[in-house]
Amino acid sequence: LGTGESKNTLKPTKIPLSYFNKEKVSDIVAGTTMCHAVTVTGSVYVWGSGNVGQTGLLEARRIRNFATERPKKIEALPKGRAVTAISSSVDHVLALVENE
């Protein structure tokens, strides 16, 4: 996942920069079923599955077995505050945002 396709691959595959609105990625973390990327501007993008809300995408709360095959920007983060660090585990993600 992350390439826009649902098929599995055993080879590393580049994810197009256009999937991140041409923002450069500074960090990537992976959970069991999803990945999150932080851009140099502090935005966060997610791809993978999240049936218990671990993606952070608002639309995922209403869809059982939610999955996104390419990165989507998380809009639920505090406006005007950049994410400075991110960590992921099995079914959760933690993001540290800058102070106001």
PDB file of N, CA and C in Angstrom:
ATOM      1  N   LEU A   1       0.820  -1.195   0.000  1.00  0.00           N
ATOM      2  CA  LEU A   1       0.000   0.000   0.000  1.00  0.00           C
ATOM      3  C   LEU A   1       0.860   1.254   0.000  1.00  0.00           C
ATOM      4  N   GLY A   2       0.254   2.333  -0.386  1.00  0.00           N
ATOM      5  CA  GLY A   2       0.965   3.600  -0.472  1.00  0.00           C
ATOM      6  C   GLY A   2       1.242   3.992  -1.905  1.00  0.00           C
ATOM      7  N   THR A   3       1.189   3.011  -2.801  1.00  0.00           N
ATOM      8  CA  THR A   3       1.475   3.268  -4.210  1.00  0.00           C
ATOM      9  C   THR A   3       0.222   3.565  -5.016  1.00  0.00           C
ATOM     10  N   GLY A   4      -0.942   3.409  -4.397  1.00  0.00           N
ATOM     11  CA  GLY A   4      -2.192   3.581  -5.114  1.00  0.00           C
ATOM     12  C   GLY A   4      -2.766   2.270  -5.614  1.00  0.00           C
ATOM     13  N   GLU A   5      -2.053   1.173  -5.385  1.00  0.00           N
ATOM     14  CA  GLU A   5      -2.515  -0.145  -5.810  1.00  0.00           C
ATOM     15  C   GLU A   5      -2.764  -1.018  -4.585  1.00  0.00           C
ATOM     16  N   SER A   6      -3.603  -2.019  -4.746  1.00  0.00           N
ATOM     17  CA  SER A   6      -3.924  -2.900  -3.617  1.00  0.00           C
ATOM     18  C   SER A   6      -3.143  -4.202  -3.640  1.00  0.00           C
ATOM     19  N   LYS A   7      -2.347  -4.429  -4.669  1.00  0.00           N
ATOM     20  CA  LYS A   7      -1.593  -5.678  -4.730  1.00  0.00           C
ATOM     21  C   LYS A   7      -0.320  -5.593  -3.883  1.00  0.00           C
ATOM     22  N   ASN A   8       0.075  -6.711  -3.311  1.00  0.00           N
ATOM     23  CA  ASN A   8       1.290  -6.777  -2.509  1.00  0.00           C
ATOM     24  C   ASN A   8       2.513  -6.854  -3.417  1.00  0.00           C
ATOM     25  N   THR A   9       3.629  -6.358  -2.911  1.00  0.00           N
ATOM     26  CA  THR A   9       4.888  -6.463  -3.626  1.00  0.00           C
ATOM     27  C   THR A   9       5.995  -6.757  -2.626  1.00  0.00           C
ATOM     28  N   LEU A  10       6.976  -7.511  -3.044  1.00  0.00           N
ATOM     29  CA  LEU A  10       8.101  -7.851  -2.171  1.00  0.00           C
ATOM     30  C   LEU A  10       9.284  -6.912  -2.385  1.00  0.00           C
ATOM     31  N   LYS A  11       9.175  -5.996  -3.358  1.00  0.00           N
ATOM     32  CA  LYS A  11      10.253  -5.065  -3.652  1.00  0.00           C
ATOM     33  C   LYS A  11       9.915  -3.671  -3.122  1.00  0.00           C
ATOM     34  N   PRO A  12      10.896  -2.952  -2.609  1.00  0.00           N
ATOM     35  CA  PRO A  12      10.651  -1.571  -2.216  1.00  0.00           C
ATOM     36  C   PRO A  12      10.133  -0.784  -3.431  1.00  0.00           C
ATOM     37  N   THR A  13       9.111   0.014  -3.205  1.00  0.00           N
ATOM     38  CA  THR A  13       8.485   0.749  -4.292  1.00  0.00           C
ATOM     39  C   THR A  13       8.374   2.213  -3.897  1.00  0.00           C
ATOM     40  N   LYS A  14       8.828   3.080  -4.781  1.00  0.00           N
ATOM     41  CA  LYS A  14       8.790   4.519  -4.520  1.00  0.00           C
ATOM     42  C   LYS A  14       7.348   5.020  -4.552  1.00  0.00           C
ATOM     43  N   ILE A  15       7.006   5.837  -3.581  1.00  0.00           N
ATOM     44  CA  ILE A  15       5.703   6.481  -3.551  1.00  0.00           C
ATOM     45  C   ILE A  15       5.877   7.860  -4.175  1.00  0.00           C
ATOM     46  N   PRO A  16       5.075   8.181  -5.185  1.00  0.00           N
ATOM     47  CA  PRO A  16       5.241   9.469  -5.871  1.00  0.00           C
ATOM     48  C   PRO A  16       5.109  10.662  -4.918  1.00  0.00           C
ATOM     49  N   LEU A  17       5.962  11.650  -5.084  1.00  0.00           N
ATOM     50  CA  LEU A  17       5.930  12.862  -4.276  1.00  0.00           C
ATOM     51  C   LEU A  17       4.599  13.602  -4.432  1.00  0.00           C
ATOM     52  N   SER A  18       3.967  13.431  -5.568  1.00  0.00           N
ATOM     53  CA  SER A  18       2.672  14.087  -5.798  1.00  0.00           C
ATOM     54  C   SER A  18       1.614  13.597  -4.813  1.00  0.00           C
ATOM     55  N   TYR A  19       1.758  12.379  -4.257  1.00  0.00           N
ATOM     56  CA  TYR A  19       0.810  11.864  -3.267  1.00  0.00           C
ATOM     57  C   TYR A  19       0.889  12.662  -1.962  1.00  0.00           C
ATOM     58  N   PHE A  20       1.982  13.399  -1.767  1.00  0.00           N
ATOM     59  CA  PHE A  20       2.179  14.221  -0.572  1.00  0.00           C
ATOM     60  C   PHE A  20       2.041  15.706  -0.918  1.00  0.00           C
ATOM     61  N   ASN A  21       1.297  16.019  -1.958  1.00  0.00           N
ATOM     62  CA  ASN A  21       1.134  17.401  -2.437  1.00  0.00           C
ATOM     63  C   ASN A  21       2.482  18.065  -2.686  1.00  0.00           C
ATOM     64  N   LYS A  22       3.432  17.269  -3.142  1.00  0.00           N
ATOM     65  CA  LYS A  22       4.793  17.709  -3.465  1.00  0.00           C
ATOM     66  C   LYS A  22       5.566  18.238  -2.259  1.00  0.00           C
ATOM     67  N   GLU A  23       5.107  17.911  -1.039  1.00  0.00           N
ATOM     68  CA  GLU A  23       5.841  18.269   0.173  1.00  0.00           C
ATOM     69  C   GLU A  23       6.900  17.199   0.425  1.00  0.00           C
ATOM     70  N   LYS A  24       8.091  17.597   0.802  1.00  0.00           N
ATOM     71  CA  LYS A  24       9.141  16.625   1.112  1.00  0.00           C
ATOM     72  C   LYS A  24       8.835  15.936   2.434  1.00  0.00           C
ATOM     73  N   VAL A  25       9.070  14.638   2.480  1.00  0.00           N
ATOM     74  CA  VAL A  25       8.818  13.832   3.678  1.00  0.00           C
ATOM     75  C   VAL A  25      10.074  13.815   4.536  1.00  0.00           C
ATOM     76  N   SER A  26       9.913  14.082   5.840  1.00  0.00           N
ATOM     77  CA  SER A  26      11.059  14.091   6.757  1.00  0.00           C
ATOM     78  C   SER A  26      11.099  12.868   7.663  1.00  0.00           C
ATOM     79  N   ASP A  27       9.956  12.177   7.841  1.00  0.00           N
ATOM     80  CA  ASP A  27       9.915  11.018   8.739  1.00  0.00           C
ATOM     81  C   ASP A  27       8.775  10.091   8.333  1.00  0.00           C
ATOM     82  N   ILE A  28       8.975   8.798   8.497  1.00  0.00           N
ATOM     83  CA  ILE A  28       7.934   7.796   8.232  1.00  0.00           C
ATOM     84  C   ILE A  28       7.937   6.803   9.386  1.00  0.00           C
ATOM     85  N   VAL A  29       6.747   6.452   9.862  1.00  0.00           N
ATOM     86  CA  VAL A  29       6.603   5.415  10.886  1.00  0.00           C
ATOM     87  C   VAL A  29       5.580   4.397  10.395  1.00  0.00           C
ATOM     88  N   ALA A  30       5.725   3.161  10.868  1.00  0.00           N
ATOM     89  CA  ALA A  30       4.819   2.095  10.444  1.00  0.00           C
ATOM     90  C   ALA A  30       4.237   1.381  11.646  1.00  0.00           C
ATOM     91  N   GLY A  31       2.932   1.174  11.599  1.00  0.00           N
ATOM     92  CA  GLY A  31       2.254   0.329  12.564  1.00  0.00           C
ATOM     93  C   GLY A  31       2.047  -1.029  11.924  1.00  0.00           C
ATOM     94  N   THR A  32       1.205  -1.839  12.497  1.00  0.00           N
ATOM     95  CA  THR A  32       0.956  -3.161  11.947  1.00  0.00           C
ATOM     96  C   THR A  32       0.258  -3.085  10.593  1.00  0.00           C
ATOM     97  N   THR A  33      -0.698  -2.167  10.458  1.00  0.00           N
ATOM     98  CA  THR A  33      -1.508  -2.126   9.242  1.00  0.00           C
ATOM     99  C   THR A  33      -1.510  -0.775   8.543  1.00  0.00           C
ATOM    100  N   MET A  34      -0.720   0.183   9.029  1.00  0.00           N
ATOM    101  CA  MET A  34      -0.735   1.510   8.426  1.00  0.00           C
ATOM    102  C   MET A  34       0.624   2.177   8.562  1.00  0.00           C
ATOM    103  N   CYS A  35       0.845   3.203   7.722  1.00  0.00           N
ATOM    104  CA  CYS A  35       2.060   4.013   7.782  1.00  0.00           C
ATOM    105  C   CYS A  35       1.662   5.474   7.854  1.00  0.00           C
ATOM    106  N   HIS A  36       2.491   6.263   8.530  1.00  0.00           N
ATOM    107  CA  HIS A  36       2.302   7.708   8.618  1.00  0.00           C
ATOM    108  C   HIS A  36       3.591   8.390   8.187  1.00  0.00           C
ATOM    109  N   ALA A  37       3.463   9.475   7.454  1.00  0.00           N
ATOM    110  CA  ALA A  37       4.620  10.258   7.029  1.00  0.00           C
ATOM    111  C   ALA A  37       4.434  11.701   7.489  1.00  0.00           C
ATOM    112  N   VAL A  38       5.512  12.288   7.992  1.00  0.00           N
ATOM    113  CA  VAL A  38       5.515  13.697   8.385  1.00  0.00           C
ATOM    114  C   VAL A  38       6.313  14.453   7.337  1.00  0.00           C
ATOM    115  N   THR A  39       5.781  15.590   6.884  1.00  0.00           N
ATOM    116  CA  THR A  39       6.488  16.393   5.896  1.00  0.00           C
ATOM    117  C   THR A  39       7.322  17.459   6.595  1.00  0.00           C
ATOM    118  N   VAL A  40       8.184  18.111   5.834  1.00  0.00           N
ATOM    119  CA  VAL A  40       9.043  19.151   6.400  1.00  0.00           C
ATOM    120  C   VAL A  40       8.236  20.338   6.915  1.00  0.00           C
ATOM    121  N   THR A  41       6.999  20.490   6.456  1.00  0.00           N
ATOM    122  CA  THR A  41       6.145  21.580   6.946  1.00  0.00           C
ATOM    123  C   THR A  41       5.317  21.165   8.157  1.00  0.00           C
ATOM    124  N   GLY A  42       5.417  19.888   8.570  1.00  0.00           N
ATOM    125  CA  GLY A  42       4.704  19.415   9.742  1.00  0.00           C
ATOM    126  C   GLY A  42       3.343  18.810   9.463  1.00  0.00           C
ATOM    127  N   SER A  43       3.010  18.606   8.189  1.00  0.00           N
ATOM    128  CA  SER A  43       1.770  17.912   7.848  1.00  0.00           C
ATOM    129  C   SER A  43       1.976  16.406   8.020  1.00  0.00           C
ATOM    130  N   VAL A  44       0.870  15.666   8.196  1.00  0.00           N
ATOM    131  CA  VAL A  44       0.952  14.212   8.345  1.00  0.00           C
ATOM    132  C   VAL A  44       0.060  13.556   7.305  1.00  0.00           C
ATOM    133  N   TYR A  45       0.605  12.543   6.649  1.00  0.00           N
ATOM    134  CA  TYR A  45      -0.123  11.749   5.665  1.00  0.00           C
ATOM    135  C   TYR A  45      -0.156  10.302   6.155  1.00  0.00           C
ATOM    136  N   VAL A  46      -1.226   9.581   5.812  1.00  0.00           N
ATOM    137  CA  VAL A  46      -1.392   8.206   6.251  1.00  0.00           C
ATOM    138  C   VAL A  46      -1.842   7.348   5.078  1.00  0.00           C
ATOM    139  N   TRP A  47      -1.438   6.073   5.117  1.00  0.00           N
ATOM    140  CA  TRP A  47      -1.972   5.086   4.186  1.00  0.00           C
ATOM    141  C   TRP A  47      -1.971   3.737   4.885  1.00  0.00           C
ATOM    142  N   GLY A  48      -2.870   2.871   4.449  1.00  0.00           N
ATOM    143  CA  GLY A  48      -3.030   1.555   5.062  1.00  0.00           C
ATOM    144  C   GLY A  48      -4.445   1.383   5.577  1.00  0.00           C
ATOM    145  N   SER A  49      -4.621   0.451   6.511  1.00  0.00           N
ATOM    146  CA  SER A  49      -5.967   0.203   7.028  1.00  0.00           C
ATOM    147  C   SER A  49      -6.071   0.669   8.475  1.00  0.00           C
ATOM    148  N   GLY A  50      -7.288   0.972   8.860  1.00  0.00           N
ATOM    149  CA  GLY A  50      -7.517   1.496  10.197  1.00  0.00           C
ATOM    150  C   GLY A  50      -8.950   1.329  10.624  1.00  0.00           C
ATOM    151  N   ASN A  51      -9.320   0.145  11.010  1.00  0.00           N
ATOM    152  CA  ASN A  51     -10.714  -0.104  11.371  1.00  0.00           C
ATOM    153  C   ASN A  51     -11.045   0.303  12.804  1.00  0.00           C
ATOM    154  N   VAL A  52     -10.061   0.796  13.564  1.00  0.00           N
ATOM    155  CA  VAL A  52     -10.341   1.266  14.926  1.00  0.00           C
ATOM    156  C   VAL A  52      -9.904   2.722  15.117  1.00  0.00           C
ATOM    157  N   GLY A  53      -9.770   3.460  14.009  1.00  0.00           N
ATOM    158  CA  GLY A  53      -9.465   4.879  14.085  1.00  0.00           C
ATOM    159  C   GLY A  53      -7.998   5.245  14.125  1.00  0.00           C
ATOM    160  N   GLN A  54      -7.098   4.272  14.014  1.00  0.00           N
ATOM    161  CA  GLN A  54      -5.676   4.569  14.165  1.00  0.00           C
ATOM    162  C   GLN A  54      -5.073   5.349  12.995  1.00  0.00           C
ATOM    163  N   THR A  55      -5.808   5.513  11.915  1.00  0.00           N
ATOM    164  CA  THR A  55      -5.260   6.309  10.816  1.00  0.00           C
ATOM    165  C   THR A  55      -5.318   7.801  11.105  1.00  0.00           C
ATOM    166  N   GLY A  56      -6.290   8.227  11.890  1.00  0.00           N
ATOM    167  CA  GLY A  56      -6.465   9.647  12.158  1.00  0.00           C
ATOM    168  C   GLY A  56      -7.341  10.344  11.138  1.00  0.00           C
ATOM    169  N   LEU A  57      -7.819   9.615  10.148  1.00  0.00           N
ATOM    170  CA  LEU A  57      -8.697  10.193   9.131  1.00  0.00           C
ATOM    171  C   LEU A  57     -10.134  10.205   9.628  1.00  0.00           C
ATOM    172  N   LEU A  58     -10.774  11.339   9.522  1.00  0.00           N
ATOM    173  CA  LEU A  58     -12.144  11.471  10.024  1.00  0.00           C
ATOM    174  C   LEU A  58     -13.109  10.527   9.323  1.00  0.00           C
ATOM    175  N   GLU A  59     -12.952  10.327   8.012  1.00  0.00           N
ATOM    176  CA  GLU A  59     -13.885   9.451   7.295  1.00  0.00           C
ATOM    177  C   GLU A  59     -13.749   7.988   7.703  1.00  0.00           C
ATOM    178  N   ALA A  60     -12.633   7.609   8.301  1.00  0.00           N
ATOM    179  CA  ALA A  60     -12.414   6.216   8.708  1.00  0.00           C
ATOM    180  C   ALA A  60     -13.311   5.819   9.871  1.00  0.00           C
ATOM    181  N   ARG A  61     -13.806   6.792  10.623  1.00  0.00           N
ATOM    182  CA  ARG A  61     -14.649   6.484  11.786  1.00  0.00           C
ATOM    183  C   ARG A  61     -15.983   5.877  11.379  1.00  0.00           C
ATOM    184  N   ARG A  62     -16.416   6.132  10.162  1.00  0.00           N
ATOM    185  CA  ARG A  62     -17.728   5.672   9.725  1.00  0.00           C
ATOM    186  C   ARG A  62     -17.672   4.446   8.819  1.00  0.00           C
ATOM    187  N   ILE A  63     -16.485   3.930   8.541  1.00  0.00           N
ATOM    188  CA  ILE A  63     -16.345   2.839   7.591  1.00  0.00           C
ATOM    189  C   ILE A  63     -15.674   1.640   8.250  1.00  0.00           C
ATOM    190  N   ARG A  64     -16.375   0.530   8.276  1.00  0.00           N
ATOM    191  CA  ARG A  64     -15.797  -0.709   8.811  1.00  0.00           C
ATOM    192  C   ARG A  64     -14.749  -1.219   7.825  1.00  0.00           C
ATOM    193  N   ASN A  65     -13.627  -1.694   8.323  1.00  0.00           N
ATOM    194  CA  ASN A  65     -12.523  -2.194   7.496  1.00  0.00           C
ATOM    195  C   ASN A  65     -12.000  -1.128   6.531  1.00  0.00           C
ATOM    196  N   PHE A  66     -11.865   0.096   7.029  1.00  0.00           N
ATOM    197  CA  PHE A  66     -11.378   1.218   6.224  1.00  0.00           C
ATOM    198  C   PHE A  66      -9.935   0.976   5.784  1.00  0.00           C
ATOM    199  N   ALA A  67      -9.635   1.339   4.554  1.00  0.00           N
ATOM    200  CA  ALA A  67      -8.260   1.291   4.052  1.00  0.00           C
ATOM    201  C   ALA A  67      -8.081   2.353   2.981  1.00  0.00           C
ATOM    202  N   THR A  68      -6.893   2.934   2.934  1.00  0.00           N
ATOM    203  CA  THR A  68      -6.545   3.858   1.870  1.00  0.00           C
ATOM    204  C   THR A  68      -5.250   3.368   1.244  1.00  0.00           C
ATOM    205  N   GLU A  69      -5.240   3.253  -0.061  1.00  0.00           N
ATOM    206  CA  GLU A  69      -4.108   2.661  -0.772  1.00  0.00           C
ATOM    207  C   GLU A  69      -3.038   3.667  -1.155  1.00  0.00           C
ATOM    208  N   ARG A  70      -3.314   4.941  -0.947  1.00  0.00           N
ATOM    209  CA  ARG A  70      -2.304   5.967  -1.191  1.00  0.00           C
ATOM    210  C   ARG A  70      -2.390   7.008  -0.082  1.00  0.00           C
ATOM    211  N   PRO A  71      -1.312   7.727   0.164  1.00  0.00           N
ATOM    212  CA  PRO A  71      -1.296   8.683   1.272  1.00  0.00           C
ATOM    213  C   PRO A  71      -2.411   9.716   1.197  1.00  0.00           C
ATOM    214  N   LYS A  72      -3.035   9.957   2.364  1.00  0.00           N
ATOM    215  CA  LYS A  72      -4.059  10.994   2.505  1.00  0.00           C
ATOM    216  C   LYS A  72      -3.642  11.890   3.660  1.00  0.00           C
ATOM    217  N   LYS A  73      -3.814  13.185   3.489  1.00  0.00           N
ATOM    218  CA  LYS A  73      -3.447  14.144   4.532  1.00  0.00           C
ATOM    219  C   LYS A  73      -4.447  14.074   5.678  1.00  0.00           C
ATOM    220  N   ILE A  74      -3.925  14.072   6.901  1.00  0.00           N
ATOM    221  CA  ILE A  74      -4.776  14.080   8.088  1.00  0.00           C
ATOM    222  C   ILE A  74      -5.160  15.528   8.375  1.00  0.00           C
ATOM    223  N   GLU A  75      -6.454  15.806   8.297  1.00  0.00           N
ATOM    224  CA  GLU A  75      -6.954  17.168   8.505  1.00  0.00           C
ATOM    225  C   GLU A  75      -7.400  17.405   9.945  1.00  0.00           C
ATOM    226  N   ALA A  76      -7.444  16.364  10.775  1.00  0.00           N
ATOM    227  CA  ALA A  76      -7.954  16.474  12.140  1.00  0.00           C
ATOM    228  C   ALA A  76      -6.938  17.028  13.129  1.00  0.00           C
ATOM    229  N   LEU A  77      -5.729  17.314  12.689  1.00  0.00           N
ATOM    230  CA  LEU A  77      -4.704  17.863  13.579  1.00  0.00           C
ATOM    231  C   LEU A  77      -4.963  19.341  13.836  1.00  0.00           C
ATOM    232  N   PRO A  78      -4.433  19.889  14.937  1.00  0.00           N
ATOM    233  CA  PRO A  78      -4.652  21.306  15.249  1.00  0.00           C
ATOM    234  C   PRO A  78      -4.181  22.210  14.109  1.00  0.00           C
ATOM    235  N   LYS A  79      -5.031  23.133  13.698  1.00  0.00           N
ATOM    236  CA  LYS A  79      -4.704  24.055  12.597  1.00  0.00           C
ATOM    237  C   LYS A  79      -3.580  24.997  13.007  1.00  0.00           C
ATOM    238  N   GLY A  80      -2.654  25.217  12.091  1.00  0.00           N
ATOM    239  CA  GLY A  80      -1.573  26.159  12.317  1.00  0.00           C
ATOM    240  C   GLY A  80      -0.462  25.649  13.210  1.00  0.00           C
ATOM    241  N   ARG A  81      -0.506  24.364  13.579  1.00  0.00           N
ATOM    242  CA  ARG A  81       0.542  23.793  14.435  1.00  0.00           C
ATOM    243  C   ARG A  81       1.147  22.584  13.739  1.00  0.00           C
ATOM    244  N   ALA A  82       2.458  22.582  13.602  1.00  0.00           N
ATOM    245  CA  ALA A  82       3.159  21.522  12.879  1.00  0.00           C
ATOM    246  C   ALA A  82       3.445  20.324  13.783  1.00  0.00           C
ATOM    247  N   VAL A  83       3.388  19.145  13.211  1.00  0.00           N
ATOM    248  CA  VAL A  83       3.806  17.937  13.913  1.00  0.00           C
ATOM    249  C   VAL A  83       5.329  17.897  13.870  1.00  0.00           C
ATOM    250  N   THR A  84       5.952  17.717  15.035  1.00  0.00           N
ATOM    251  CA  THR A  84       7.417  17.711  15.118  1.00  0.00           C
ATOM    252  C   THR A  84       7.984  16.312  15.321  1.00  0.00           C
ATOM    253  N   ALA A  85       7.154  15.375  15.783  1.00  0.00           N
ATOM    254  CA  ALA A  85       7.602  13.989  15.972  1.00  0.00           C
ATOM    255  C   ALA A  85       6.382  13.077  15.905  1.00  0.00           C
ATOM    256  N   ILE A  86       6.617  11.826  15.524  1.00  0.00           N
ATOM    257  CA  ILE A  86       5.519  10.866  15.412  1.00  0.00           C
ATOM    258  C   ILE A  86       6.036   9.478  15.763  1.00  0.00           C
ATOM    259  N   SER A  87       5.176   8.674  16.364  1.00  0.00           N
ATOM    260  CA  SER A  87       5.528   7.307  16.741  1.00  0.00           C
ATOM    261  C   SER A  87       4.317   6.419  16.502  1.00  0.00           C
ATOM    262  N   SER A  88       4.555   5.156  16.191  1.00  0.00           N
ATOM    263  CA  SER A  88       3.462   4.255  15.854  1.00  0.00           C
ATOM    264  C   SER A  88       3.699   2.885  16.468  1.00  0.00           C
ATOM    265  N   SER A  89       2.596   2.190  16.744  1.00  0.00           N
ATOM    266  CA  SER A  89       2.660   0.822  17.246  1.00  0.00           C
ATOM    267  C   SER A  89       1.538   0.025  16.597  1.00  0.00           C
ATOM    268  N   VAL A  90       1.081  -1.015  17.252  1.00  0.00           N
ATOM    269  CA  VAL A  90       0.108  -1.925  16.661  1.00  0.00           C
ATOM    270  C   VAL A  90      -1.156  -1.212  16.204  1.00  0.00           C
ATOM    271  N   ASP A  91      -1.882  -0.608  17.110  1.00  0.00           N
ATOM    272  CA  ASP A  91      -3.167   0.013  16.782  1.00  0.00           C
ATOM    273  C   ASP A  91      -3.262   1.477  17.198  1.00  0.00           C
ATOM    274  N   HIS A  92      -2.134   2.173  17.261  1.00  0.00           N
ATOM    275  CA  HIS A  92      -2.206   3.583  17.629  1.00  0.00           C
ATOM    276  C   HIS A  92      -1.031   4.362  17.053  1.00  0.00           C
ATOM    277  N   VAL A  93      -1.205   5.665  17.000  1.00  0.00           N
ATOM    278  CA  VAL A  93      -0.166   6.587  16.545  1.00  0.00           C
ATOM    279  C   VAL A  93      -0.172   7.778  17.490  1.00  0.00           C
ATOM    280  N   LEU A  94       0.999   8.247  17.849  1.00  0.00           N
ATOM    281  CA  LEU A  94       1.136   9.431  18.700  1.00  0.00           C
ATOM    282  C   LEU A  94       1.869  10.503  17.907  1.00  0.00           C
ATOM    283  N   ALA A  95       1.357  11.716  17.946  1.00  0.00           N
ATOM    284  CA  ALA A  95       2.009  12.832  17.260  1.00  0.00           C
ATOM    285  C   ALA A  95       2.272  13.945  18.257  1.00  0.00           C
ATOM    286  N   LEU A  96       3.452  14.502  18.196  1.00  0.00           N
ATOM    287  CA  LEU A  96       3.826  15.639  19.028  1.00  0.00           C
ATOM    288  C   LEU A  96       3.737  16.891  18.163  1.00  0.00           C
ATOM    289  N   VAL A  97       2.933  17.861  18.620  1.00  0.00           N
ATOM    290  CA  VAL A  97       2.769  19.104  17.864  1.00  0.00           C
ATOM    291  C   VAL A  97       3.473  20.232  18.578  1.00  0.00           C
ATOM    292  N   GLU A  98       3.898  21.221  17.794  1.00  0.00           N
ATOM    293  CA  GLU A  98       4.608  22.361  18.371  1.00  0.00           C
ATOM    294  C   GLU A  98       3.658  23.193  19.233  1.00  0.00           C
ATOM    295  N   ASN A  99       4.222  23.902  20.203  1.00  0.00           N
ATOM    296  CA  ASN A  99       3.442  24.806  21.035  1.00  0.00           C
ATOM    297  C   ASN A  99       2.958  25.990  20.219  1.00  0.00           C
ATOM    298  N   GLU A 100       1.909  26.625  20.713  1.00  0.00           N
ATOM    299  CA  GLU A 100       1.400  27.832  20.052  1.00  0.00           C
ATOM    300  C   GLU A 100       2.361  28.968  20.221  1.00  0.00           C
TER     301      GLU A 100
END
